[in-house]
Amino acid sequence: MIFGASEDKDVTGMFNAIKSHLNRVIGTKAVHPRAMKPKLIVEKAIRLGIPAETAIHVEDALARALELAASGGELVLSAGSMFVTAEVKTALGKTNYEFQITD
């Protein structure tokens, strides 16, 4: 999962709600003044036993997530901030991958 959130969000609560469905979190941040630092996101994930790593830029997070998913045939999820998901969508449009956006 590619994940970024604003500093005032309950990231631990979000992770608790979905951790049983996650193989890995890639903490990143959108270009937004209230974005939480990726290092803090990863620390929260690791405290809950979720493997995690950082990617400073959303495009880097997407590249890493696609690399991991391709090797295991898994899905890539972008969650947390809509600003991050918007940047993922833009970055994905620059690749050759097909994608589906769900509401």
PDB file of N, CA and C in Angstrom:
ATOM      1  N   MET A   1       0.835  -1.170   0.000  1.00  0.00           N
ATOM      2  CA  MET A   1       0.000   0.000   0.000  1.00  0.00           C
ATOM      3  C   MET A   1       0.884   1.237   0.000  1.00  0.00           C
ATOM      4  N   ILE A   2       0.605   2.142  -0.889  1.00  0.00           N
ATOM      5  CA  ILE A   2       1.220   3.463  -0.895  1.00  0.00           C
ATOM      6  C   ILE A   2       0.374   4.306   0.052  1.00  0.00           C
ATOM      7  N   PHE A   3       1.012   4.923   1.038  1.00  0.00           N
ATOM      8  CA  PHE A   3       0.240   5.628   2.048  1.00  0.00           C
ATOM      9  C   PHE A   3       0.867   6.954   2.419  1.00  0.00           C
ATOM     10  N   GLY A   4       0.039   7.975   2.450  1.00  0.00           N
ATOM     11  CA  GLY A   4       0.421   9.285   2.942  1.00  0.00           C
ATOM     12  C   GLY A   4      -0.795   9.905   3.601  1.00  0.00           C
ATOM     13  N   ALA A   5      -0.577  10.754   4.588  1.00  0.00           N
ATOM     14  CA  ALA A   5      -1.696  11.383   5.290  1.00  0.00           C
ATOM     15  C   ALA A   5      -1.257  12.736   5.835  1.00  0.00           C
ATOM     16  N   SER A   6      -2.232  13.543   6.194  1.00  0.00           N
ATOM     17  CA  SER A   6      -1.953  14.819   6.849  1.00  0.00           C
ATOM     18  C   SER A   6      -1.513  14.559   8.282  1.00  0.00           C
ATOM     19  N   GLU A   7      -0.776  15.504   8.829  1.00  0.00           N
ATOM     20  CA  GLU A   7      -0.222  15.360  10.175  1.00  0.00           C
ATOM     21  C   GLU A   7      -1.276  15.145  11.249  1.00  0.00           C
ATOM     22  N   ASP A   8      -2.491  15.640  11.034  1.00  0.00           N
ATOM     23  CA  ASP A   8      -3.520  15.569  12.074  1.00  0.00           C
ATOM     24  C   ASP A   8      -4.397  14.323  11.993  1.00  0.00           C
ATOM     25  N   LYS A   9      -4.066  13.376  11.141  1.00  0.00           N
ATOM     26  CA  LYS A   9      -4.898  12.180  10.961  1.00  0.00           C
ATOM     27  C   LYS A   9      -4.466  11.043  11.885  1.00  0.00           C
ATOM     28  N   ASP A  10      -5.408  10.160  12.184  1.00  0.00           N
ATOM     29  CA  ASP A  10      -5.164   9.001  13.046  1.00  0.00           C
ATOM     30  C   ASP A  10      -4.614   7.844  12.199  1.00  0.00           C
ATOM     31  N   VAL A  11      -3.358   7.938  11.853  1.00  0.00           N
ATOM     32  CA  VAL A  11      -2.718   6.940  10.996  1.00  0.00           C
ATOM     33  C   VAL A  11      -2.703   5.571  11.682  1.00  0.00           C
ATOM     34  N   THR A  12      -2.422   5.537  12.970  1.00  0.00           N
ATOM     35  CA  THR A  12      -2.413   4.266  13.693  1.00  0.00           C
ATOM     36  C   THR A  12      -3.782   3.605  13.614  1.00  0.00           C
ATOM     37  N   GLY A  13      -4.828   4.366  13.788  1.00  0.00           N
ATOM     38  CA  GLY A  13      -6.186   3.827  13.680  1.00  0.00           C
ATOM     39  C   GLY A  13      -6.486   3.301  12.293  1.00  0.00           C
ATOM     40  N   MET A  14      -6.035   4.024  11.278  1.00  0.00           N
ATOM     41  CA  MET A  14      -6.238   3.572   9.895  1.00  0.00           C
ATOM     42  C   MET A  14      -5.524   2.246   9.660  1.00  0.00           C
ATOM     43  N   PHE A  15      -4.267   2.175  10.104  1.00  0.00           N
ATOM     44  CA  PHE A  15      -3.503   0.941   9.926  1.00  0.00           C
ATOM     45  C   PHE A  15      -4.124  -0.214  10.694  1.00  0.00           C
ATOM     46  N   ASN A  16      -4.582   0.042  11.907  1.00  0.00           N
ATOM     47  CA  ASN A  16      -5.228  -1.012  12.692  1.00  0.00           C
ATOM     48  C   ASN A  16      -6.440  -1.586  11.968  1.00  0.00           C
ATOM     49  N   ALA A  17      -7.176  -0.727  11.278  1.00  0.00           N
ATOM     50  CA  ALA A  17      -8.393  -1.161  10.587  1.00  0.00           C
ATOM     51  C   ALA A  17      -8.111  -2.088   9.404  1.00  0.00           C
ATOM     52  N   ILE A  18      -6.934  -1.947   8.789  1.00  0.00           N
ATOM     53  CA  ILE A  18      -6.675  -2.725   7.564  1.00  0.00           C
ATOM     54  C   ILE A  18      -5.403  -3.567   7.601  1.00  0.00           C
ATOM     55  N   LYS A  19      -4.706  -3.588   8.723  1.00  0.00           N
ATOM     56  CA  LYS A  19      -3.395  -4.242   8.757  1.00  0.00           C
ATOM     57  C   LYS A  19      -3.420  -5.711   8.364  1.00  0.00           C
ATOM     58  N   SER A  20      -4.512  -6.405   8.607  1.00  0.00           N
ATOM     59  CA  SER A  20      -4.558  -7.829   8.257  1.00  0.00           C
ATOM     60  C   SER A  20      -4.577  -8.048   6.741  1.00  0.00           C
ATOM     61  N   HIS A  21      -4.809  -6.996   5.985  1.00  0.00           N
ATOM     62  CA  HIS A  21      -4.867  -7.096   4.523  1.00  0.00           C
ATOM     63  C   HIS A  21      -3.595  -6.578   3.841  1.00  0.00           C
ATOM     64  N   LEU A  22      -2.638  -6.143   4.625  1.00  0.00           N
ATOM     65  CA  LEU A  22      -1.449  -5.506   4.057  1.00  0.00           C
ATOM     66  C   LEU A  22      -0.220  -6.400   4.114  1.00  0.00           C
ATOM     67  N   ASN A  23       0.530  -6.385   3.036  1.00  0.00           N
ATOM     68  CA  ASN A  23       1.838  -7.042   3.018  1.00  0.00           C
ATOM     69  C   ASN A  23       2.955  -6.052   3.322  1.00  0.00           C
ATOM     70  N   ARG A  24       2.741  -4.800   2.935  1.00  0.00           N
ATOM     71  CA  ARG A  24       3.778  -3.781   3.113  1.00  0.00           C
ATOM     72  C   ARG A  24       3.151  -2.406   2.945  1.00  0.00           C
ATOM     73  N   VAL A  25       3.700  -1.449   3.691  1.00  0.00           N
ATOM     74  CA  VAL A  25       3.332  -0.040   3.549  1.00  0.00           C
ATOM     75  C   VAL A  25       4.533   0.702   2.992  1.00  0.00           C
ATOM     76  N   ILE A  26       4.281   1.522   2.005  1.00  0.00           N
ATOM     77  CA  ILE A  26       5.312   2.431   1.496  1.00  0.00           C
ATOM     78  C   ILE A  26       4.855   3.828   1.886  1.00  0.00           C
ATOM     79  N   GLY A  27       5.495   4.358   2.908  1.00  0.00           N
ATOM     80  CA  GLY A  27       5.131   5.683   3.406  1.00  0.00           C
ATOM     81  C   GLY A  27       5.715   6.759   2.515  1.00  0.00           C
ATOM     82  N   THR A  28       4.873   7.703   2.132  1.00  0.00           N
ATOM     83  CA  THR A  28       5.290   8.793   1.264  1.00  0.00           C
ATOM     84  C   THR A  28       4.515  10.040   1.642  1.00  0.00           C
ATOM     85  N   LYS A  29       4.703  11.124   0.909  1.00  0.00           N
ATOM     86  CA  LYS A  29       3.934  12.326   1.190  1.00  0.00           C
ATOM     87  C   LYS A  29       3.650  13.093  -0.090  1.00  0.00           C
ATOM     88  N   ALA A  30       2.490  13.687  -0.107  1.00  0.00           N
ATOM     89  CA  ALA A  30       2.104  14.536  -1.227  1.00  0.00           C
ATOM     90  C   ALA A  30       2.790  15.896  -1.076  1.00  0.00           C
ATOM     91  N   VAL A  31       2.769  16.646  -2.139  1.00  0.00           N
ATOM     92  CA  VAL A  31       3.258  18.015  -2.078  1.00  0.00           C
ATOM     93  C   VAL A  31       2.131  18.832  -1.451  1.00  0.00           C
ATOM     94  N   HIS A  32       2.155  18.894  -0.139  1.00  0.00           N
ATOM     95  CA  HIS A  32       1.105  19.575   0.621  1.00  0.00           C
ATOM     96  C   HIS A  32       1.706  20.016   1.950  1.00  0.00           C
ATOM     97  N   PRO A  33       1.408  21.221   2.403  1.00  0.00           N
ATOM     98  CA  PRO A  33       2.057  21.733   3.615  1.00  0.00           C
ATOM     99  C   PRO A  33       1.726  20.958   4.895  1.00  0.00           C
ATOM    100  N   ARG A  34       0.609  20.251   4.945  1.00  0.00           N
ATOM    101  CA  ARG A  34       0.245  19.505   6.155  1.00  0.00           C
ATOM    102  C   ARG A  34       0.610  18.028   6.076  1.00  0.00           C
ATOM    103  N   ALA A  35       1.333  17.622   5.053  1.00  0.00           N
ATOM    104  CA  ALA A  35       1.656  16.201   4.870  1.00  0.00           C
ATOM    105  C   ALA A  35       2.589  15.694   5.972  1.00  0.00           C
ATOM    106  N   MET A  36       2.234  14.509   6.489  1.00  0.00           N
ATOM    107  CA  MET A  36       3.067  13.850   7.492  1.00  0.00           C
ATOM    108  C   MET A  36       4.345  13.332   6.839  1.00  0.00           C
ATOM    109  N   LYS A  37       5.443  13.385   7.553  1.00  0.00           N
ATOM    110  CA  LYS A  37       6.711  12.896   7.030  1.00  0.00           C
ATOM    111  C   LYS A  37       6.644  11.374   6.845  1.00  0.00           C
ATOM    112  N   PRO A  38       7.145  10.862   5.721  1.00  0.00           N
ATOM    113  CA  PRO A  38       7.118   9.419   5.478  1.00  0.00           C
ATOM    114  C   PRO A  38       7.753   8.601   6.594  1.00  0.00           C
ATOM    115  N   LYS A  39       8.800   9.123   7.210  1.00  0.00           N
ATOM    116  CA  LYS A  39       9.465   8.400   8.300  1.00  0.00           C
ATOM    117  C   LYS A  39       8.488   8.137   9.453  1.00  0.00           C
ATOM    118  N   LEU A  40       7.646   9.091   9.777  1.00  0.00           N
ATOM    119  CA  LEU A  40       6.679   8.925  10.855  1.00  0.00           C
ATOM    120  C   LEU A  40       5.615   7.889  10.497  1.00  0.00           C
ATOM    121  N   ILE A  41       5.203   7.881   9.236  1.00  0.00           N
ATOM    122  CA  ILE A  41       4.229   6.884   8.771  1.00  0.00           C
ATOM    123  C   ILE A  41       4.806   5.485   8.927  1.00  0.00           C
ATOM    124  N   VAL A  42       6.031   5.325   8.483  1.00  0.00           N
ATOM    125  CA  VAL A  42       6.692   4.017   8.554  1.00  0.00           C
ATOM    126  C   VAL A  42       6.882   3.578  10.006  1.00  0.00           C
ATOM    127  N   GLU A  43       7.249   4.480  10.871  1.00  0.00           N
ATOM    128  CA  GLU A  43       7.401   4.132  12.288  1.00  0.00           C
ATOM    129  C   GLU A  43       6.088   3.609  12.871  1.00  0.00           C
ATOM    130  N   LYS A  44       4.969   4.243  12.520  1.00  0.00           N
ATOM    131  CA  LYS A  44       3.660   3.808  13.011  1.00  0.00           C
ATOM    132  C   LYS A  44       3.312   2.418  12.479  1.00  0.00           C
ATOM    133  N   ALA A  45       3.601   2.171  11.206  1.00  0.00           N
ATOM    134  CA  ALA A  45       3.322   0.858  10.612  1.00  0.00           C
ATOM    135  C   ALA A  45       4.156  -0.230  11.283  1.00  0.00           C
ATOM    136  N   ILE A  46       5.425   0.029  11.452  1.00  0.00           N
ATOM    137  CA  ILE A  46       6.325  -0.967  12.049  1.00  0.00           C
ATOM    138  C   ILE A  46       5.924  -1.284  13.483  1.00  0.00           C
ATOM    139  N   ARG A  47       5.479  -0.271  14.238  1.00  0.00           N
ATOM    140  CA  ARG A  47       5.020  -0.506  15.615  1.00  0.00           C
ATOM    141  C   ARG A  47       3.838  -1.472  15.653  1.00  0.00           C
ATOM    142  N   LEU A  48       3.073  -1.522  14.561  1.00  0.00           N
ATOM    143  CA  LEU A  48       1.918  -2.427  14.481  1.00  0.00           C
ATOM    144  C   LEU A  48       2.274  -3.753  13.812  1.00  0.00           C
ATOM    145  N   GLY A  49       3.544  -3.943  13.503  1.00  0.00           N
ATOM    146  CA  GLY A  49       3.978  -5.200  12.896  1.00  0.00           C
ATOM    147  C   GLY A  49       3.790  -5.273  11.399  1.00  0.00           C
ATOM    148  N   ILE A  50       3.594  -4.137  10.761  1.00  0.00           N
ATOM    149  CA  ILE A  50       3.432  -4.089   9.300  1.00  0.00           C
ATOM    150  C   ILE A  50       4.792  -3.741   8.688  1.00  0.00           C
ATOM    151  N   PRO A  51       5.309  -4.586   7.795  1.00  0.00           N
ATOM    152  CA  PRO A  51       6.557  -4.217   7.112  1.00  0.00           C
ATOM    153  C   PRO A  51       6.356  -2.895   6.371  1.00  0.00           C
ATOM    154  N   ALA A  52       7.355  -2.031   6.430  1.00  0.00           N
ATOM    155  CA  ALA A  52       7.193  -0.709   5.833  1.00  0.00           C
ATOM    156  C   ALA A  52       8.535  -0.135   5.401  1.00  0.00           C
ATOM    157  N   GLU A  53       8.444   0.761   4.439  1.00  0.00           N
ATOM    158  CA  GLU A  53       9.611   1.479   3.950  1.00  0.00           C
ATOM    159  C   GLU A  53       9.172   2.855   3.486  1.00  0.00           C
ATOM    160  N   THR A  54      10.135   3.757   3.332  1.00  0.00           N
ATOM    161  CA  THR A  54       9.806   5.114   2.910  1.00  0.00           C
ATOM    162  C   THR A  54      10.141   5.342   1.446  1.00  0.00           C
ATOM    163  N   ALA A  55       9.418   6.272   0.879  1.00  0.00           N
ATOM    164  CA  ALA A  55       9.719   6.822  -0.446  1.00  0.00           C
ATOM    165  C   ALA A  55       9.375   8.302  -0.337  1.00  0.00           C
ATOM    166  N   ILE A  56      10.352   9.139  -0.465  1.00  0.00           N
ATOM    167  CA  ILE A  56      10.138  10.571  -0.261  1.00  0.00           C
ATOM    168  C   ILE A  56       9.138  11.138  -1.266  1.00  0.00           C
ATOM    169  N   HIS A  57       9.217  10.694  -2.509  1.00  0.00           N
ATOM    170  CA  HIS A  57       8.329  11.196  -3.558  1.00  0.00           C
ATOM    171  C   HIS A  57       7.297  10.134  -3.925  1.00  0.00           C
ATOM    172  N   VAL A  58       6.097  10.585  -4.228  1.00  0.00           N
ATOM    173  CA  VAL A  58       5.009   9.671  -4.587  1.00  0.00           C
ATOM    174  C   VAL A  58       5.379   8.838  -5.812  1.00  0.00           C
ATOM    175  N   GLU A  59       6.016   9.431  -6.798  1.00  0.00           N
ATOM    176  CA  GLU A  59       6.414   8.666  -7.990  1.00  0.00           C
ATOM    177  C   GLU A  59       7.345   7.514  -7.620  1.00  0.00           C
ATOM    178  N   ASP A  60       8.240   7.743  -6.681  1.00  0.00           N
ATOM    179  CA  ASP A  60       9.141   6.678  -6.224  1.00  0.00           C
ATOM    180  C   ASP A  60       8.370   5.593  -5.484  1.00  0.00           C
ATOM    181  N   ALA A  61       7.383   6.002  -4.690  1.00  0.00           N
ATOM    182  CA  ALA A  61       6.545   5.030  -3.980  1.00  0.00           C
ATOM    183  C   ALA A  61       5.785   4.161  -4.970  1.00  0.00           C
ATOM    184  N   LEU A  62       5.255   4.767  -6.017  1.00  0.00           N
ATOM    185  CA  LEU A  62       4.535   4.011  -7.039  1.00  0.00           C
ATOM    186  C   LEU A  62       5.462   3.031  -7.743  1.00  0.00           C
ATOM    187  N   ALA A  63       6.645   3.484  -8.124  1.00  0.00           N
ATOM    188  CA  ALA A  63       7.586   2.592  -8.802  1.00  0.00           C
ATOM    189  C   ALA A  63       7.929   1.392  -7.928  1.00  0.00           C
ATOM    190  N   ARG A  64       8.164   1.642  -6.651  1.00  0.00           N
ATOM    191  CA  ARG A  64       8.494   0.546  -5.732  1.00  0.00           C
ATOM    192  C   ARG A  64       7.308  -0.395  -5.545  1.00  0.00           C
ATOM    193  N   ALA A  65       6.120   0.152  -5.386  1.00  0.00           N
ATOM    194  CA  ALA A  65       4.920  -0.678  -5.218  1.00  0.00           C
ATOM    195  C   ALA A  65       4.668  -1.539  -6.449  1.00  0.00           C
ATOM    196  N   LEU A  66       4.830  -0.981  -7.628  1.00  0.00           N
ATOM    197  CA  LEU A  66       4.635  -1.761  -8.855  1.00  0.00           C
ATOM    198  C   LEU A  66       5.681  -2.857  -8.977  1.00  0.00           C
ATOM    199  N   GLU A  67       6.906  -2.558  -8.575  1.00  0.00           N
ATOM    200  CA  GLU A  67       7.976  -3.560  -8.583  1.00  0.00           C
ATOM    201  C   GLU A  67       7.626  -4.727  -7.655  1.00  0.00           C
ATOM    202  N   LEU A  68       7.187  -4.409  -6.451  1.00  0.00           N
ATOM    203  CA  LEU A  68       6.826  -5.453  -5.492  1.00  0.00           C
ATOM    204  C   LEU A  68       5.618  -6.252  -5.958  1.00  0.00           C
ATOM    205  N   ALA A  69       4.627  -5.573  -6.498  1.00  0.00           N
ATOM    206  CA  ALA A  69       3.403  -6.250  -6.943  1.00  0.00           C
ATOM    207  C   ALA A  69       3.674  -7.161  -8.134  1.00  0.00           C
ATOM    208  N   ALA A  70       4.541  -6.731  -9.024  1.00  0.00           N
ATOM    209  CA  ALA A  70       4.840  -7.536 -10.211  1.00  0.00           C
ATOM    210  C   ALA A  70       5.510  -8.851  -9.844  1.00  0.00           C
ATOM    211  N   SER A  71       6.334  -8.813  -8.815  1.00  0.00           N
ATOM    212  CA  SER A  71       7.040 -10.034  -8.438  1.00  0.00           C
ATOM    213  C   SER A  71       6.136 -11.022  -7.713  1.00  0.00           C
ATOM    214  N   GLY A  72       5.037 -10.539  -7.129  1.00  0.00           N
ATOM    215  CA  GLY A  72       4.156 -11.423  -6.374  1.00  0.00           C
ATOM    216  C   GLY A  72       2.739 -11.482  -6.893  1.00  0.00           C
ATOM    217  N   GLY A  73       2.455 -10.788  -8.004  1.00  0.00           N
ATOM    218  CA  GLY A  73       1.115 -10.788  -8.566  1.00  0.00           C
ATOM    219  C   GLY A  73       0.083 -10.157  -7.653  1.00  0.00           C
ATOM    220  N   GLU A  74       0.471  -9.139  -6.911  1.00  0.00           N
ATOM    221  CA  GLU A  74      -0.418  -8.515  -5.944  1.00  0.00           C
ATOM    222  C   GLU A  74      -0.964  -7.190  -6.454  1.00  0.00           C
ATOM    223  N   LEU A  75      -1.899  -6.643  -5.713  1.00  0.00           N
ATOM    224  CA  LEU A  75      -2.504  -5.361  -6.032  1.00  0.00           C
ATOM    225  C   LEU A  75      -1.748  -4.231  -5.354  1.00  0.00           C
ATOM    226  N   VAL A  76      -1.848  -3.055  -5.926  1.00  0.00           N
ATOM    227  CA  VAL A  76      -1.290  -1.855  -5.323  1.00  0.00           C
ATOM    228  C   VAL A  76      -2.460  -0.966  -4.909  1.00  0.00           C
ATOM    229  N   LEU A  77      -2.434  -0.531  -3.670  1.00  0.00           N
ATOM    230  CA  LEU A  77      -3.462   0.338  -3.129  1.00  0.00           C
ATOM    231  C   LEU A  77      -2.826   1.660  -2.738  1.00  0.00           C
ATOM    232  N   SER A  78      -3.473   2.751  -3.091  1.00  0.00           N
ATOM    233  CA  SER A  78      -3.062   4.062  -2.621  1.00  0.00           C
ATOM    234  C   SER A  78      -4.126   4.526  -1.637  1.00  0.00           C
ATOM    235  N   ALA A  79      -3.689   4.934  -0.442  1.00  0.00           N
ATOM    236  CA  ALA A  79      -4.664   5.279   0.592  1.00  0.00           C
ATOM    237  C   ALA A  79      -4.139   6.377   1.498  1.00  0.00           C
ATOM    238  N   GLY A  80      -5.032   6.830   2.361  1.00  0.00           N
ATOM    239  CA  GLY A  80      -4.704   7.876   3.316  1.00  0.00           C
ATOM    240  C   GLY A  80      -5.202   9.204   2.808  1.00  0.00           C
ATOM    241  N   SER A  81      -4.339   9.939   2.192  1.00  0.00           N
ATOM    242  CA  SER A  81      -4.653  11.264   1.679  1.00  0.00           C
ATOM    243  C   SER A  81      -5.084  11.216   0.212  1.00  0.00           C
ATOM    244  N   MET A  82      -6.123  11.948  -0.094  1.00  0.00           N
ATOM    245  CA  MET A  82      -6.529  12.058  -1.498  1.00  0.00           C
ATOM    246  C   MET A  82      -5.458  12.787  -2.306  1.00  0.00           C
ATOM    247  N   PHE A  83      -4.662  13.622  -1.652  1.00  0.00           N
ATOM    248  CA  PHE A  83      -3.578  14.309  -2.349  1.00  0.00           C
ATOM    249  C   PHE A  83      -2.542  13.296  -2.836  1.00  0.00           C
ATOM    250  N   VAL A  84      -2.232  12.300  -2.011  1.00  0.00           N
ATOM    251  CA  VAL A  84      -1.300  11.246  -2.424  1.00  0.00           C
ATOM    252  C   VAL A  84      -1.899  10.443  -3.565  1.00  0.00           C
ATOM    253  N   THR A  85      -3.154  10.051  -3.429  1.00  0.00           N
ATOM    254  CA  THR A  85      -3.803   9.250  -4.474  1.00  0.00           C
ATOM    255  C   THR A  85      -3.866  10.021  -5.789  1.00  0.00           C
ATOM    256  N   ALA A  86      -4.106  11.313  -5.742  1.00  0.00           N
ATOM    257  CA  ALA A  86      -4.111  12.127  -6.966  1.00  0.00           C
ATOM    258  C   ALA A  86      -2.733  12.119  -7.622  1.00  0.00           C
ATOM    259  N   GLU A  87      -1.674  12.211  -6.801  1.00  0.00           N
ATOM    260  CA  GLU A  87      -0.318  12.170  -7.353  1.00  0.00           C
ATOM    261  C   GLU A  87       0.007  10.783  -7.903  1.00  0.00           C
ATOM    262  N   VAL A  88      -0.490   9.728  -7.258  1.00  0.00           N
ATOM    263  CA  VAL A  88      -0.302   8.370  -7.778  1.00  0.00           C
ATOM    264  C   VAL A  88      -0.986   8.240  -9.125  1.00  0.00           C
ATOM    265  N   LYS A  89      -2.194   8.734  -9.230  1.00  0.00           N
ATOM    266  CA  LYS A  89      -2.936   8.659 -10.495  1.00  0.00           C
ATOM    267  C   LYS A  89      -2.172   9.383 -11.608  1.00  0.00           C
ATOM    268  N   THR A  90      -1.656  10.550 -11.309  1.00  0.00           N
ATOM    269  CA  THR A  90      -0.876  11.294 -12.307  1.00  0.00           C
ATOM    270  C   THR A  90       0.371  10.515 -12.709  1.00  0.00           C
ATOM    271  N   ALA A  91       1.092   9.990 -11.724  1.00  0.00           N
ATOM    272  CA  ALA A  91       2.314   9.224 -12.009  1.00  0.00           C
ATOM    273  C   ALA A  91       2.001   7.953 -12.780  1.00  0.00           C
ATOM    274  N   LEU A  92       0.901   7.311 -12.437  1.00  0.00           N
ATOM    275  CA  LEU A  92       0.526   6.073 -13.120  1.00  0.00           C
ATOM    276  C   LEU A  92       0.185   6.338 -14.577  1.00  0.00           C
ATOM    277  N   GLY A  93      -0.346   7.496 -14.863  1.00  0.00           N
ATOM    278  CA  GLY A  93      -0.651   7.866 -16.242  1.00  0.00           C
ATOM    279  C   GLY A  93       0.586   7.969 -17.118  1.00  0.00           C
ATOM    280  N   LYS A  94       1.739   8.088 -16.479  1.00  0.00           N
ATOM    281  CA  LYS A  94       3.012   8.166 -17.204  1.00  0.00           C
ATOM    282  C   LYS A  94       3.625   6.790 -17.444  1.00  0.00           C
ATOM    283  N   THR A  95       2.981   5.735 -16.942  1.00  0.00           N
ATOM    284  CA  THR A  95       3.516   4.382 -17.084  1.00  0.00           C
ATOM    285  C   THR A  95       2.706   3.600 -18.107  1.00  0.00           C
ATOM    286  N   ASN A  96       3.090   2.357 -18.334  1.00  0.00           N
ATOM    287  CA  ASN A  96       2.368   1.485 -19.253  1.00  0.00           C
ATOM    288  C   ASN A  96       1.396   0.563 -18.529  1.00  0.00           C
ATOM    289  N   TYR A  97       1.200   0.759 -17.237  1.00  0.00           N
ATOM    290  CA  TYR A  97       0.312  -0.089 -16.460  1.00  0.00           C
ATOM    291  C   TYR A  97      -1.136   0.352 -16.621  1.00  0.00           C
ATOM    292  N   GLU A  98      -2.024  -0.633 -16.583  1.00  0.00           N
ATOM    293  CA  GLU A  98      -3.445  -0.338 -16.566  1.00  0.00           C
ATOM    294  C   GLU A  98      -3.856  -0.121 -15.113  1.00  0.00           C
ATOM    295  N   PHE A  99      -4.867   0.706 -14.900  1.00  0.00           N
ATOM    296  CA  PHE A  99      -5.315   0.926 -13.540  1.00  0.00           C
ATOM    297  C   PHE A  99      -6.809   1.110 -13.515  1.00  0.00           C
ATOM    298  N   GLN A 100      -7.356   0.906 -12.313  1.00  0.00           N
ATOM    299  CA  GLN A 100      -8.787   1.073 -12.090  1.00  0.00           C
ATOM    300  C   GLN A 100      -8.967   1.898 -10.834  1.00  0.00           C
ATOM    301  N   ILE A 101      -9.800   2.893 -10.913  1.00  0.00           N
ATOM    302  CA  ILE A 101     -10.098   3.732  -9.752  1.00  0.00           C
ATOM    303  C   ILE A 101     -11.474   3.345  -9.264  1.00  0.00           C
ATOM    304  N   THR A 102     -11.578   3.075  -7.973  1.00  0.00           N
ATOM    305  CA  THR A 102     -12.872   2.716  -7.400  1.00  0.00           C
ATOM    306  C   THR A 102     -13.268   3.751  -6.376  1.00  0.00           C
ATOM    307  N   ASP A 103     -14.548   3.936  -6.214  1.00  0.00           N
ATOM    308  CA  ASP A 103     -15.072   4.888  -5.217  1.00  0.00           C
ATOM    309  C   ASP A 103     -15.363   4.200  -3.927  1.00  0.00           C
TER     310      ASP A 103
END
